[in-house]
Amino acid sequence: MMPQTATAAVKDEPATRFAKDQPRAIVERIERLEEEKKAIADDIKDVYAEAKGNGYDVKALRTIIRLRKQDPNERAEAETILETYMQALGMLG
């Protein structure tokens, strides 16, 4: 019975190695992507700082970026609702 157990252990060895190596590879890929994400976030921060230095309103730029990400129909609907509420509150001239 010993030879079968030894044979089974040899057959399982590559699978065991794969089971150990795959999670490590996944974690390392995620870590690299997190580093890239931080670098990109830093670059975006720098662009906003540059815009602010050139006299642009960063809050307005962030709003524009957010609006441009929205579907045009959803954006139009949200703007209509906002305008309706503002009118009901007497905020429009």
PDB file of N, CA and C in Angstrom:
ATOM      1  N   MET A   1       0.816  -1.182   0.000  1.00  0.00           N
ATOM      2  CA  MET A   1       0.000   0.000   0.000  1.00  0.00           C
ATOM      3  C   MET A   1       0.869   1.259   0.000  1.00  0.00           C
ATOM      4  N   MET A   2       2.039   1.194   0.524  1.00  0.00           N
ATOM      5  CA  MET A   2       2.940   2.339   0.549  1.00  0.00           C
ATOM      6  C   MET A   2       3.237   2.868  -0.842  1.00  0.00           C
ATOM      7  N   PRO A   3       3.522   2.017  -1.820  1.00  0.00           N
ATOM      8  CA  PRO A   3       3.833   2.556  -3.146  1.00  0.00           C
ATOM      9  C   PRO A   3       2.676   3.368  -3.724  1.00  0.00           C
ATOM     10  N   GLN A   4       1.433   2.974  -3.466  1.00  0.00           N
ATOM     11  CA  GLN A   4       0.296   3.729  -3.994  1.00  0.00           C
ATOM     12  C   GLN A   4       0.221   5.112  -3.340  1.00  0.00           C
ATOM     13  N   THR A   5       0.455   5.175  -2.057  1.00  0.00           N
ATOM     14  CA  THR A   5       0.412   6.447  -1.347  1.00  0.00           C
ATOM     15  C   THR A   5       1.512   7.362  -1.868  1.00  0.00           C
ATOM     16  N   ALA A   6       2.688   6.830  -2.079  1.00  0.00           N
ATOM     17  CA  ALA A   6       3.792   7.626  -2.593  1.00  0.00           C
ATOM     18  C   ALA A   6       3.468   8.100  -4.004  1.00  0.00           C
ATOM     19  N   THR A   7       2.860   7.231  -4.808  1.00  0.00           N
ATOM     20  CA  THR A   7       2.482   7.601  -6.167  1.00  0.00           C
ATOM     21  C   THR A   7       1.415   8.684  -6.131  1.00  0.00           C
ATOM     22  N   ALA A   8       0.448   8.558  -5.250  1.00  0.00           N
ATOM     23  CA  ALA A   8      -0.607   9.563  -5.137  1.00  0.00           C
ATOM     24  C   ALA A   8      -0.019  10.898  -4.694  1.00  0.00           C
ATOM     25  N   ALA A   9       0.945  10.866  -3.812  1.00  0.00           N
ATOM     26  CA  ALA A   9       1.562  12.105  -3.342  1.00  0.00           C
ATOM     27  C   ALA A   9       2.305  12.794  -4.482  1.00  0.00           C
ATOM     28  N   VAL A  10       2.975  12.010  -5.316  1.00  0.00           N
ATOM     29  CA  VAL A  10       3.700  12.581  -6.446  1.00  0.00           C
ATOM     30  C   VAL A  10       2.707  13.191  -7.435  1.00  0.00           C
ATOM     31  N   LYS A  11       1.587  12.514  -7.679  1.00  0.00           N
ATOM     32  CA  LYS A  11       0.572  13.033  -8.596  1.00  0.00           C
ATOM     33  C   LYS A  11      -0.055  14.307  -8.045  1.00  0.00           C
ATOM     34  N   ASP A  12      -0.232  14.408  -6.737  1.00  0.00           N
ATOM     35  CA  ASP A  12      -0.860  15.582  -6.135  1.00  0.00           C
ATOM     36  C   ASP A  12       0.099  16.761  -6.029  1.00  0.00           C
ATOM     37  N   GLU A  13       1.401  16.506  -6.103  1.00  0.00           N
ATOM     38  CA  GLU A  13       2.368  17.574  -5.879  1.00  0.00           C
ATOM     39  C   GLU A  13       2.196  18.752  -6.840  1.00  0.00           C
ATOM     40  N   PRO A  14       2.087  18.554  -8.162  1.00  0.00           N
ATOM     41  CA  PRO A  14       1.893  19.710  -9.051  1.00  0.00           C
ATOM     42  C   PRO A  14       0.582  20.450  -8.759  1.00  0.00           C
ATOM     43  N   ALA A  15      -0.461  19.715  -8.445  1.00  0.00           N
ATOM     44  CA  ALA A  15      -1.736  20.359  -8.127  1.00  0.00           C
ATOM     45  C   ALA A  15      -1.621  21.143  -6.836  1.00  0.00           C
ATOM     46  N   THR A  16      -0.924  20.608  -5.872  1.00  0.00           N
ATOM     47  CA  THR A  16      -0.732  21.306  -4.598  1.00  0.00           C
ATOM     48  C   THR A  16       0.100  22.562  -4.825  1.00  0.00           C
ATOM     49  N   ARG A  17       1.138  22.445  -5.635  1.00  0.00           N
ATOM     50  CA  ARG A  17       1.973  23.605  -5.932  1.00  0.00           C
ATOM     51  C   ARG A  17       1.147  24.671  -6.633  1.00  0.00           C
ATOM     52  N   PHE A  18       0.300  24.252  -7.578  1.00  0.00           N
ATOM     53  CA  PHE A  18      -0.571  25.191  -8.286  1.00  0.00           C
ATOM     54  C   PHE A  18      -1.536  25.853  -7.315  1.00  0.00           C
ATOM     55  N   ALA A  19      -2.088  25.078  -6.393  1.00  0.00           N
ATOM     56  CA  ALA A  19      -3.031  25.614  -5.407  1.00  0.00           C
ATOM     57  C   ALA A  19      -2.361  26.646  -4.512  1.00  0.00           C
ATOM     58  N   LYS A  20      -1.076  26.506  -4.282  1.00  0.00           N
ATOM     59  CA  LYS A  20      -0.352  27.474  -3.450  1.00  0.00           C
ATOM     60  C   LYS A  20       0.096  28.679  -4.274  1.00  0.00           C
ATOM     61  N   ASP A  21       0.519  28.430  -5.515  1.00  0.00           N
ATOM     62  CA  ASP A  21       1.063  29.499  -6.354  1.00  0.00           C
ATOM     63  C   ASP A  21      -0.024  30.412  -6.912  1.00  0.00           C
ATOM     64  N   GLN A  22      -1.172  29.857  -7.229  1.00  0.00           N
ATOM     65  CA  GLN A  22      -2.227  30.670  -7.846  1.00  0.00           C
ATOM     66  C   GLN A  22      -2.707  31.791  -6.921  1.00  0.00           C
ATOM     67  N   PRO A  23      -3.034  31.528  -5.655  1.00  0.00           N
ATOM     68  CA  PRO A  23      -3.446  32.646  -4.790  1.00  0.00           C
ATOM     69  C   PRO A  23      -2.356  33.705  -4.649  1.00  0.00           C
ATOM     70  N   ARG A  24      -1.107  33.286  -4.575  1.00  0.00           N
ATOM     71  CA  ARG A  24       0.001  34.239  -4.467  1.00  0.00           C
ATOM     72  C   ARG A  24       0.053  35.122  -5.718  1.00  0.00           C
ATOM     73  N   ALA A  25      -0.089  34.509  -6.885  1.00  0.00           N
ATOM     74  CA  ALA A  25      -0.058  35.260  -8.141  1.00  0.00           C
ATOM     75  C   ALA A  25      -1.223  36.246  -8.206  1.00  0.00           C
ATOM     76  N   ILE A  26      -2.385  35.820  -7.753  1.00  0.00           N
ATOM     77  CA  ILE A  26      -3.558  36.697  -7.752  1.00  0.00           C
ATOM     78  C   ILE A  26      -3.327  37.883  -6.829  1.00  0.00           C
ATOM     79  N   VAL A  27      -2.839  37.616  -5.636  1.00  0.00           N
ATOM     80  CA  VAL A  27      -2.582  38.683  -4.663  1.00  0.00           C
ATOM     81  C   VAL A  27      -1.537  39.647  -5.210  1.00  0.00           C
ATOM     82  N   GLU A  28      -0.485  39.139  -5.819  1.00  0.00           N
ATOM     83  CA  GLU A  28       0.558  40.006  -6.356  1.00  0.00           C
ATOM     84  C   GLU A  28       0.031  40.864  -7.503  1.00  0.00           C
ATOM     85  N   ARG A  29      -0.825  40.304  -8.349  1.00  0.00           N
ATOM     86  CA  ARG A  29      -1.443  41.089  -9.432  1.00  0.00           C
ATOM     87  C   ARG A  29      -2.309  42.200  -8.866  1.00  0.00           C
ATOM     88  N   ILE A  30      -3.102  41.869  -7.847  1.00  0.00           N
ATOM     89  CA  ILE A  30      -3.964  42.874  -7.222  1.00  0.00           C
ATOM     90  C   ILE A  30      -3.111  43.973  -6.598  1.00  0.00           C
ATOM     91  N   GLU A  31      -2.036  43.591  -5.939  1.00  0.00           N
ATOM     92  CA  GLU A  31      -1.150  44.590  -5.331  1.00  0.00           C
ATOM     93  C   GLU A  31      -0.553  45.522  -6.390  1.00  0.00           C
ATOM     94  N   ARG A  32      -0.127  44.971  -7.525  1.00  0.00           N
ATOM     95  CA  ARG A  32       0.409  45.806  -8.602  1.00  0.00           C
ATOM     96  C   ARG A  32      -0.652  46.753  -9.131  1.00  0.00           C
ATOM     97  N   LEU A  33      -1.870  46.250  -9.308  1.00  0.00           N
ATOM     98  CA  LEU A  33      -2.958  47.094  -9.797  1.00  0.00           C
ATOM     99  C   LEU A  33      -3.310  48.186  -8.797  1.00  0.00           C
ATOM    100  N   GLU A  34      -3.267  47.863  -7.506  1.00  0.00           N
ATOM    101  CA  GLU A  34      -3.518  48.875  -6.470  1.00  0.00           C
ATOM    102  C   GLU A  34      -2.460  49.975  -6.532  1.00  0.00           C
ATOM    103  N   GLU A  35      -1.209  49.598  -6.774  1.00  0.00           N
ATOM    104  CA  GLU A  35      -0.137  50.584  -6.908  1.00  0.00           C
ATOM    105  C   GLU A  35      -0.385  51.480  -8.123  1.00  0.00           C
ATOM    106  N   GLU A  36      -0.794  50.866  -9.235  1.00  0.00           N
ATOM    107  CA  GLU A  36      -1.090  51.636 -10.438  1.00  0.00           C
ATOM    108  C   GLU A  36      -2.275  52.574 -10.196  1.00  0.00           C
ATOM    109  N   LYS A  37      -3.280  52.080  -9.487  1.00  0.00           N
ATOM    110  CA  LYS A  37      -4.459  52.891  -9.187  1.00  0.00           C
ATOM    111  C   LYS A  37      -4.066  54.099  -8.351  1.00  0.00           C
ATOM    112  N   LYS A  38      -3.183  53.895  -7.372  1.00  0.00           N
ATOM    113  CA  LYS A  38      -2.731  55.011  -6.536  1.00  0.00           C
ATOM    114  C   LYS A  38      -1.950  56.014  -7.372  1.00  0.00           C
ATOM    115  N   ALA A  39      -1.117  55.522  -8.267  1.00  0.00           N
ATOM    116  CA  ALA A  39      -0.343  56.419  -9.129  1.00  0.00           C
ATOM    117  C   ALA A  39      -1.277  57.236 -10.018  1.00  0.00           C
ATOM    118  N   ILE A  40      -2.303  56.613 -10.549  1.00  0.00           N
ATOM    119  CA  ILE A  40      -3.269  57.329 -11.392  1.00  0.00           C
ATOM    120  C   ILE A  40      -4.039  58.339 -10.560  1.00  0.00           C
ATOM    121  N   ALA A  41      -4.448  57.959  -9.358  1.00  0.00           N
ATOM    122  CA  ALA A  41      -5.160  58.893  -8.474  1.00  0.00           C
ATOM    123  C   ALA A  41      -4.280  60.097  -8.156  1.00  0.00           C
ATOM    124  N   ASP A  42      -2.992  59.862  -7.948  1.00  0.00           N
ATOM    125  CA  ASP A  42      -2.056  60.967  -7.697  1.00  0.00           C
ATOM    126  C   ASP A  42      -1.952  61.872  -8.927  1.00  0.00           C
ATOM    127  N   ASP A  43      -1.929  61.267 -10.109  1.00  0.00           N
ATOM    128  CA  ASP A  43      -1.871  62.054 -11.348  1.00  0.00           C
ATOM    129  C   ASP A  43      -3.128  62.922 -11.503  1.00  0.00           C
ATOM    130  N   ILE A  44      -4.285  62.355 -11.199  1.00  0.00           N
ATOM    131  CA  ILE A  44      -5.537  63.107 -11.288  1.00  0.00           C
ATOM    132  C   ILE A  44      -5.519  64.267 -10.302  1.00  0.00           C
ATOM    133  N   LYS A  45      -5.037  64.005  -9.101  1.00  0.00           N
ATOM    134  CA  LYS A  45      -4.925  65.054  -8.083  1.00  0.00           C
ATOM    135  C   LYS A  45      -4.034  66.185  -8.589  1.00  0.00           C
ATOM    136  N   ASP A  46      -2.926  65.822  -9.239  1.00  0.00           N
ATOM    137  CA  ASP A  46      -2.022  66.828  -9.792  1.00  0.00           C
ATOM    138  C   ASP A  46      -2.693  67.671 -10.873  1.00  0.00           C
ATOM    139  N   VAL A  47      -3.505  67.043 -11.709  1.00  0.00           N
ATOM    140  CA  VAL A  47      -4.203  67.778 -12.769  1.00  0.00           C
ATOM    141  C   VAL A  47      -5.200  68.759 -12.159  1.00  0.00           C
ATOM    142  N   TYR A  48      -5.937  68.310 -11.124  1.00  0.00           N
ATOM    143  CA  TYR A  48      -6.860  69.224 -10.449  1.00  0.00           C
ATOM    144  C   TYR A  48      -6.100  70.395  -9.814  1.00  0.00           C
ATOM    145  N   ALA A  49      -4.944  70.114  -9.216  1.00  0.00           N
ATOM    146  CA  ALA A  49      -4.140  71.182  -8.613  1.00  0.00           C
ATOM    147  C   ALA A  49      -3.668  72.161  -9.689  1.00  0.00           C
ATOM    148  N   GLU A  50      -3.279  71.644 -10.829  1.00  0.00           N
ATOM    149  CA  GLU A  50      -2.864  72.498 -11.941  1.00  0.00           C
ATOM    150  C   GLU A  50      -4.033  73.367 -12.409  1.00  0.00           C
ATOM    151  N   ALA A  51      -5.209  72.748 -12.530  1.00  0.00           N
ATOM    152  CA  ALA A  51      -6.392  73.498 -12.949  1.00  0.00           C
ATOM    153  C   ALA A  51      -6.700  74.611 -11.953  1.00  0.00           C
ATOM    154  N   LYS A  52      -6.613  74.289 -10.665  1.00  0.00           N
ATOM    155  CA  LYS A  52      -6.863  75.284  -9.623  1.00  0.00           C
ATOM    156  C   LYS A  52      -5.837  76.411  -9.721  1.00  0.00           C
ATOM    157  N   GLY A  53      -4.601  76.056  -9.963  1.00  0.00           N
ATOM    158  CA  GLY A  53      -3.550  77.054 -10.116  1.00  0.00           C
ATOM    159  C   GLY A  53      -3.779  77.971 -11.304  1.00  0.00           C
ATOM    160  N   ASN A  54      -4.499  77.480 -12.299  1.00  0.00           N
ATOM    161  CA  ASN A  54      -4.821  78.282 -13.481  1.00  0.00           C
ATOM    162  C   ASN A  54      -6.151  79.016 -13.334  1.00  0.00           C
ATOM    163  N   GLY A  55      -6.728  78.969 -12.116  1.00  0.00           N
ATOM    164  CA  GLY A  55      -7.933  79.743 -11.843  1.00  0.00           C
ATOM    165  C   GLY A  55      -9.248  79.013 -12.050  1.00  0.00           C
ATOM    166  N   TYR A  56      -9.214  77.726 -12.318  1.00  0.00           N
ATOM    167  CA  TYR A  56     -10.455  76.973 -12.509  1.00  0.00           C
ATOM    168  C   TYR A  56     -11.033  76.528 -11.179  1.00  0.00           C
ATOM    169  N   ASP A  57     -12.345  76.428 -11.122  1.00  0.00           N
ATOM    170  CA  ASP A  57     -13.051  75.973  -9.922  1.00  0.00           C
ATOM    171  C   ASP A  57     -13.052  74.446  -9.934  1.00  0.00           C
ATOM    172  N   VAL A  58     -12.320  73.843  -9.028  1.00  0.00           N
ATOM    173  CA  VAL A  58     -12.165  72.389  -8.992  1.00  0.00           C
ATOM    174  C   VAL A  58     -13.494  71.701  -8.717  1.00  0.00           C
ATOM    175  N   LYS A  59     -14.307  72.280  -7.855  1.00  0.00           N
ATOM    176  CA  LYS A  59     -15.610  71.680  -7.550  1.00  0.00           C
ATOM    177  C   LYS A  59     -16.468  71.598  -8.816  1.00  0.00           C
ATOM    178  N   ALA A  60     -16.449  72.658  -9.614  1.00  0.00           N
ATOM    179  CA  ALA A  60     -17.210  72.656 -10.870  1.00  0.00           C
ATOM    180  C   ALA A  60     -16.652  71.608 -11.832  1.00  0.00           C
ATOM    181  N   LEU A  61     -15.331  71.504 -11.909  1.00  0.00           N
ATOM    182  CA  LEU A  61     -14.729  70.501 -12.786  1.00  0.00           C
ATOM    183  C   LEU A  61     -15.115  69.087 -12.357  1.00  0.00           C
ATOM    184  N   ARG A  62     -15.103  68.835 -11.050  1.00  0.00           N
ATOM    185  CA  ARG A  62     -15.491  67.506 -10.557  1.00  0.00           C
ATOM    186  C   ARG A  62     -16.947  67.211 -10.899  1.00  0.00           C
ATOM    187  N   THR A  63     -17.802  68.226 -10.794  1.00  0.00           N
ATOM    188  CA  THR A  63     -19.215  68.050 -11.141  1.00  0.00           C
ATOM    189  C   THR A  63     -19.357  67.731 -12.622  1.00  0.00           C
ATOM    190  N   ILE A  64     -18.616  68.436 -13.459  1.00  0.00           N
ATOM    191  CA  ILE A  64     -18.678  68.184 -14.900  1.00  0.00           C
ATOM    192  C   ILE A  64     -18.210  66.766 -15.215  1.00  0.00           C
ATOM    193  N   ILE A  65     -17.131  66.334 -14.593  1.00  0.00           N
ATOM    194  CA  ILE A  65     -16.622  64.970 -14.816  1.00  0.00           C
ATOM    195  C   ILE A  65     -17.687  63.951 -14.429  1.00  0.00           C
ATOM    196  N   ARG A  66     -18.327  64.169 -13.267  1.00  0.00           N
ATOM    197  CA  ARG A  66     -19.374  63.252 -12.806  1.00  0.00           C
ATOM    198  C   ARG A  66     -20.552  63.233 -13.783  1.00  0.00           C
ATOM    199  N   LEU A  67     -20.960  64.407 -14.267  1.00  0.00           N
ATOM    200  CA  LEU A  67     -22.093  64.494 -15.187  1.00  0.00           C
ATOM    201  C   LEU A  67     -21.782  63.832 -16.523  1.00  0.00           C
ATOM    202  N   ARG A  68     -20.554  63.978 -16.981  1.00  0.00           N
ATOM    203  CA  ARG A  68     -20.186  63.382 -18.272  1.00  0.00           C
ATOM    204  C   ARG A  68     -20.168  61.856 -18.219  1.00  0.00           C
ATOM    205  N   LYS A  69     -20.014  61.302 -17.027  1.00  0.00           N
ATOM    206  CA  LYS A  69     -20.039  59.847 -16.872  1.00  0.00           C
ATOM    207  C   LYS A  69     -21.455  59.293 -16.964  1.00  0.00           C
ATOM    208  N   GLN A  70     -22.440  60.143 -16.689  1.00  0.00           N
ATOM    209  CA  GLN A  70     -23.834  59.684 -16.668  1.00  0.00           C
ATOM    210  C   GLN A  70     -24.366  59.490 -18.081  1.00  0.00           C
ATOM    211  N   ASP A  71     -25.351  58.629 -18.177  1.00  0.00           N
ATOM    212  CA  ASP A  71     -26.088  58.458 -19.416  1.00  0.00           C
ATOM    213  C   ASP A  71     -26.821  59.774 -19.695  1.00  0.00           C
ATOM    214  N   PRO A  72     -26.823  60.255 -20.940  1.00  0.00           N
ATOM    215  CA  PRO A  72     -27.480  61.536 -21.245  1.00  0.00           C
ATOM    216  C   PRO A  72     -28.953  61.594 -20.834  1.00  0.00           C
ATOM    217  N   ASN A  73     -29.672  60.505 -20.991  1.00  0.00           N
ATOM    218  CA  ASN A  73     -31.085  60.482 -20.601  1.00  0.00           C
ATOM    219  C   ASN A  73     -31.245  60.573 -19.085  1.00  0.00           C
ATOM    220  N   GLU A  74     -30.407  59.862 -18.358  1.00  0.00           N
ATOM    221  CA  GLU A  74     -30.454  59.923 -16.894  1.00  0.00           C
ATOM    222  C   GLU A  74     -30.080  61.318 -16.408  1.00  0.00           C
ATOM    223  N   ARG A  75     -29.094  61.927 -17.049  1.00  0.00           N
ATOM    224  CA  ARG A  75     -28.670  63.272 -16.676  1.00  0.00           C
ATOM    225  C   ARG A  75     -29.795  64.277 -16.920  1.00  0.00           C
ATOM    226  N   ALA A  76     -30.462  64.176 -18.071  1.00  0.00           N
ATOM    227  CA  ALA A  76     -31.571  65.083 -18.389  1.00  0.00           C
ATOM    228  C   ALA A  76     -32.704  64.917 -17.386  1.00  0.00           C
ATOM    229  N   GLU A  77     -32.991  63.670 -17.019  1.00  0.00           N
ATOM    230  CA  GLU A  77     -34.054  63.409 -16.043  1.00  0.00           C
ATOM    231  C   GLU A  77     -33.697  64.017 -14.686  1.00  0.00           C
ATOM    232  N   ALA A  78     -32.456  63.829 -14.250  1.00  0.00           N
ATOM    233  CA  ALA A  78     -32.014  64.374 -12.962  1.00  0.00           C
ATOM    234  C   ALA A  78     -32.064  65.899 -12.980  1.00  0.00           C
ATOM    235  N   GLU A  79     -31.656  66.504 -14.098  1.00  0.00           N
ATOM    236  CA  GLU A  79     -31.699  67.965 -14.208  1.00  0.00           C
ATOM    237  C   GLU A  79     -33.135  68.474 -14.164  1.00  0.00           C
ATOM    238  N   THR A  80     -34.061  67.765 -14.810  1.00  0.00           N
ATOM    239  CA  THR A  80     -35.473  68.155 -14.799  1.00  0.00           C
ATOM    240  C   THR A  80     -36.036  68.084 -13.388  1.00  0.00           C
ATOM    241  N   ILE A  81     -35.719  67.014 -12.691  1.00  0.00           N
ATOM    242  CA  ILE A  81     -36.201  66.864 -11.314  1.00  0.00           C
ATOM    243  C   ILE A  81     -35.622  67.967 -10.430  1.00  0.00           C
ATOM    244  N   LEU A  82     -34.331  68.240 -10.570  1.00  0.00           N
ATOM    245  CA  LEU A  82     -33.691  69.291  -9.783  1.00  0.00           C
ATOM    246  C   LEU A  82     -34.345  70.646 -10.058  1.00  0.00           C
ATOM    247  N   GLU A  83     -34.583  70.941 -11.320  1.00  0.00           N
ATOM    248  CA  GLU A  83     -35.215  72.211 -11.689  1.00  0.00           C
ATOM    249  C   GLU A  83     -36.625  72.311 -11.121  1.00  0.00           C
ATOM    250  N   THR A  84     -37.359  71.203 -11.154  1.00  0.00           N
ATOM    251  CA  THR A  84     -38.719  71.176 -10.599  1.00  0.00           C
ATOM    252  C   THR A  84     -38.684  71.467  -9.103  1.00  0.00           C
ATOM    253  N   TYR A  85     -37.783  70.838  -8.398  1.00  0.00           N
ATOM    254  CA  TYR A  85     -37.663  71.058  -6.956  1.00  0.00           C
ATOM    255  C   TYR A  85     -37.240  72.497  -6.648  1.00  0.00           C
ATOM    256  N   MET A  86     -36.279  72.998  -7.423  1.00  0.00           N
ATOM    257  CA  MET A  86     -35.812  74.360  -7.187  1.00  0.00           C
ATOM    258  C   MET A  86     -36.941  75.363  -7.428  1.00  0.00           C
ATOM    259  N   GLN A  87     -37.745  75.118  -8.461  1.00  0.00           N
ATOM    260  CA  GLN A  87     -38.872  76.013  -8.737  1.00  0.00           C
ATOM    261  C   GLN A  87     -39.885  75.941  -7.595  1.00  0.00           C
ATOM    262  N   ALA A  88     -40.163  74.745  -7.104  1.00  0.00           N
ATOM    263  CA  ALA A  88     -41.126  74.579  -6.018  1.00  0.00           C
ATOM    264  C   ALA A  88     -40.648  75.289  -4.747  1.00  0.00           C
ATOM    265  N   LEU A  89     -39.333  75.386  -4.593  1.00  0.00           N
ATOM    266  CA  LEU A  89     -38.765  76.051  -3.419  1.00  0.00           C
ATOM    267  C   LEU A  89     -38.521  77.542  -3.640  1.00  0.00           C
ATOM    268  N   GLY A  90     -38.898  78.039  -4.807  1.00  0.00           N
ATOM    269  CA  GLY A  90     -38.732  79.447  -5.102  1.00  0.00           C
ATOM    270  C   GLY A  90     -37.286  79.850  -5.330  1.00  0.00           C
ATOM    271  N   MET A  91     -36.473  78.906  -5.777  1.00  0.00           N
ATOM    272  CA  MET A  91     -35.052  79.188  -5.949  1.00  0.00           C
ATOM    273  C   MET A  91     -34.715  79.662  -7.357  1.00  0.00           C
ATOM    274  N   LEU A  92     -35.680  79.601  -8.276  1.00  0.00           N
ATOM    275  CA  LEU A  92     -35.437  80.040  -9.653  1.00  0.00           C
ATOM    276  C   LEU A  92     -36.071  81.411  -9.837  1.00  0.00           C
ATOM    277  N   GLY A  93     -35.434  82.256 -10.650  1.00  0.00           N
ATOM    278  CA  GLY A  93     -35.898  83.631 -10.844  1.00  0.00           C
ATOM    279  C   GLY A  93     -37.141  83.774 -11.624  1.00  0.00           C
TER     280      GLY A  93
END
